[in-house]
Amino acid sequence: MLKRGANGPAEGCDRLLAAAREDDVIAILLTVCLINQPTTCRHDKIALVASITIIQCMMTAPPHIAKWSEDHPGWHVARWQCGDASRQDI
């Protein structure tokens, strides 16, 4: 959870921004589970354009997630986050 700091910016935002280097490709990282078997889950990614930032990813993720859900009707998005597209430890 991010808290607003005494100087204005939310504490923790600088950590997010530092993690997103210019050469990183950002993706929406999903944890999805089968609707009929909620304990059967997997990870998936929605690739975004290379120039997007973590903050832009968070702001634009909901429509991408809704589209992914429409395209995968048997699955439920249990969790999502924005991060480095090369991450293996979602």
C-alpha atoms as a PDB file:
ATOM      1  CA  MET A   1       0.000   0.000   0.000  1.00  0.00           C
ATOM      2  CA  LEU A   2       1.310   3.439  -0.883  1.00  0.00           C
ATOM      3  CA  LYS A   3       1.109   6.270   1.663  1.00  0.00           C
ATOM      4  CA  ARG A   4       1.256   9.924   0.880  1.00  0.00           C
ATOM      5  CA  GLY A   5       4.506  11.328   2.267  1.00  0.00           C
ATOM      6  CA  ALA A   6       5.009  14.650   4.023  1.00  0.00           C
ATOM      7  CA  ASN A   7       6.622  16.101   0.895  1.00  0.00           C
ATOM      8  CA  GLY A   8       3.779  15.163  -1.444  1.00  0.00           C
ATOM      9  CA  PRO A   9       4.667  12.061  -3.492  1.00  0.00           C
ATOM     10  CA  ALA A  10       3.452   8.709  -2.339  1.00  0.00           C
ATOM     11  CA  GLU A  11       6.089   6.770  -0.429  1.00  0.00           C
ATOM     12  CA  GLY A  12       6.942   3.672  -2.424  1.00  0.00           C
ATOM     13  CA  CYS A  13       6.434   5.332  -5.822  1.00  0.00           C
ATOM     14  CA  ASP A  14      10.139   6.009  -6.074  1.00  0.00           C
ATOM     15  CA  ARG A  15      10.739   2.263  -5.627  1.00  0.00           C
ATOM     16  CA  LEU A  16       8.348   1.518  -8.486  1.00  0.00           C
ATOM     17  CA  LEU A  17       9.927   4.106 -10.736  1.00  0.00           C
ATOM     18  CA  ALA A  18      13.454   2.967  -9.935  1.00  0.00           C
ATOM     19  CA  ALA A  19      12.482  -0.599 -10.827  1.00  0.00           C
ATOM     20  CA  ALA A  20      11.339   0.469 -14.291  1.00  0.00           C
ATOM     21  CA  ARG A  21      14.515   1.239 -16.208  1.00  0.00           C
ATOM     22  CA  GLU A  22      14.288   2.666 -19.701  1.00  0.00           C
ATOM     23  CA  ASP A  23      15.357  -0.599 -21.326  1.00  0.00           C
ATOM     24  CA  ASP A  24      12.768  -2.740 -19.507  1.00  0.00           C
ATOM     25  CA  VAL A  25       9.644  -3.835 -21.335  1.00  0.00           C
ATOM     26  CA  ILE A  26       6.621  -3.524 -19.068  1.00  0.00           C
ATOM     27  CA  ALA A  27       3.781  -6.046 -19.075  1.00  0.00           C
ATOM     28  CA  ILE A  28       0.628  -6.715 -17.117  1.00  0.00           C
ATOM     29  CA  LEU A  29       1.448  -9.835 -15.110  1.00  0.00           C
ATOM     30  CA  LEU A  30      -1.614 -11.966 -14.381  1.00  0.00           C
ATOM     31  CA  THR A  31      -2.401 -14.795 -12.025  1.00  0.00           C
ATOM     32  CA  VAL A  32      -5.458 -16.521 -13.463  1.00  0.00           C
ATOM     33  CA  CYS A  33      -7.501 -19.439 -12.141  1.00  0.00           C
ATOM     34  CA  LEU A  34     -10.025 -21.744 -13.760  1.00  0.00           C
ATOM     35  CA  ILE A  35     -13.582 -20.732 -12.891  1.00  0.00           C
ATOM     36  CA  ASN A  36     -14.716 -24.348 -12.390  1.00  0.00           C
ATOM     37  CA  GLN A  37     -11.527 -25.333 -10.508  1.00  0.00           C
ATOM     38  CA  PRO A  38     -10.390 -22.253  -8.543  1.00  0.00           C
ATOM     39  CA  THR A  39      -7.326 -24.037  -7.150  1.00  0.00           C
ATOM     40  CA  THR A  40      -5.967 -24.553 -10.689  1.00  0.00           C
ATOM     41  CA  CYS A  41      -4.090 -21.362 -11.468  1.00  0.00           C
ATOM     42  CA  ARG A  42      -1.399 -20.215 -13.877  1.00  0.00           C
ATOM     43  CA  HIS A  43       0.507 -17.090 -14.810  1.00  0.00           C
ATOM     44  CA  ASP A  44       0.067 -15.116 -17.988  1.00  0.00           C
ATOM     45  CA  LYS A  45       1.311 -11.794 -19.361  1.00  0.00           C
ATOM     46  CA  ILE A  46      -0.164  -9.045 -21.470  1.00  0.00           C
ATOM     47  CA  ALA A  47       2.669  -7.347 -23.349  1.00  0.00           C
ATOM     48  CA  LEU A  48       2.548  -3.576 -23.656  1.00  0.00           C
ATOM     49  CA  VAL A  49       4.428  -1.140 -25.857  1.00  0.00           C
ATOM     50  CA  ALA A  50       8.098  -0.741 -24.949  1.00  0.00           C
ATOM     51  CA  SER A  51       7.894   2.944 -24.009  1.00  0.00           C
ATOM     52  CA  ILE A  52       5.216   2.583 -21.309  1.00  0.00           C
ATOM     53  CA  THR A  53       6.036   3.270 -17.638  1.00  0.00           C
ATOM     54  CA  ILE A  54       4.863   1.351 -14.577  1.00  0.00           C
ATOM     55  CA  ILE A  55       2.454   4.169 -13.690  1.00  0.00           C
ATOM     56  CA  GLN A  56       1.008   4.254 -17.219  1.00  0.00           C
ATOM     57  CA  CYS A  57       0.651   0.471 -17.085  1.00  0.00           C
ATOM     58  CA  MET A  58      -1.336   0.646 -13.841  1.00  0.00           C
ATOM     59  CA  MET A  59      -3.604   3.341 -15.253  1.00  0.00           C
ATOM     60  CA  THR A  60      -4.310   1.528 -18.533  1.00  0.00           C
ATOM     61  CA  ALA A  61      -4.424  -2.076 -17.270  1.00  0.00           C
ATOM     62  CA  PRO A  62      -8.195  -2.487 -16.578  1.00  0.00           C
ATOM     63  CA  PRO A  63      -9.340  -2.448 -20.234  1.00  0.00           C
ATOM     64  CA  HIS A  64      -6.517  -4.843 -21.198  1.00  0.00           C
ATOM     65  CA  ILE A  65      -7.520  -7.192 -18.383  1.00  0.00           C
ATOM     66  CA  ALA A  66     -11.193  -6.980 -19.410  1.00  0.00           C
ATOM     67  CA  LYS A  67     -10.245  -7.883 -22.999  1.00  0.00           C
ATOM     68  CA  TRP A  68      -8.092 -10.788 -21.785  1.00  0.00           C
ATOM     69  CA  SER A  69     -11.042 -12.015 -19.675  1.00  0.00           C
ATOM     70  CA  GLU A  70     -13.376 -11.845 -22.698  1.00  0.00           C
ATOM     71  CA  ASP A  71     -10.882 -13.868 -24.747  1.00  0.00           C
ATOM     72  CA  HIS A  72     -10.471 -16.497 -21.979  1.00  0.00           C
ATOM     73  CA  PRO A  73     -14.026 -17.147 -20.677  1.00  0.00           C
ATOM     74  CA  GLY A  74     -13.101 -20.184 -18.549  1.00  0.00           C
ATOM     75  CA  TRP A  75     -10.554 -18.225 -16.518  1.00  0.00           C
ATOM     76  CA  HIS A  76     -10.809 -15.654 -13.706  1.00  0.00           C
ATOM     77  CA  VAL A  77      -8.109 -13.023 -13.095  1.00  0.00           C
ATOM     78  CA  ALA A  78      -7.260 -13.538  -9.429  1.00  0.00           C
ATOM     79  CA  ARG A  79      -4.396 -11.046  -9.258  1.00  0.00           C
ATOM     80  CA  TRP A  80      -2.525  -8.647 -11.517  1.00  0.00           C
ATOM     81  CA  GLN A  81       0.395  -6.285 -11.360  1.00  0.00           C
ATOM     82  CA  CYS A  82       2.576  -4.311 -13.718  1.00  0.00           C
ATOM     83  CA  GLY A  83       6.203  -5.263 -13.996  1.00  0.00           C
ATOM     84  CA  ASP A  84       9.158  -6.323 -16.077  1.00  0.00           C
ATOM     85  CA  ALA A  85       7.939  -8.544 -18.913  1.00  0.00           C
ATOM     86  CA  SER A  86      10.950 -10.844 -18.496  1.00  0.00           C
ATOM     87  CA  ARG A  87      10.024 -11.750 -14.895  1.00  0.00           C
ATOM     88  CA  GLN A  88       9.546 -15.429 -14.260  1.00  0.00           C
ATOM     89  CA  ASP A  89       8.490 -15.112 -10.594  1.00  0.00           C
ATOM     90  CA  ILE A  90       5.064 -13.575 -10.989  1.00  0.00           C
END
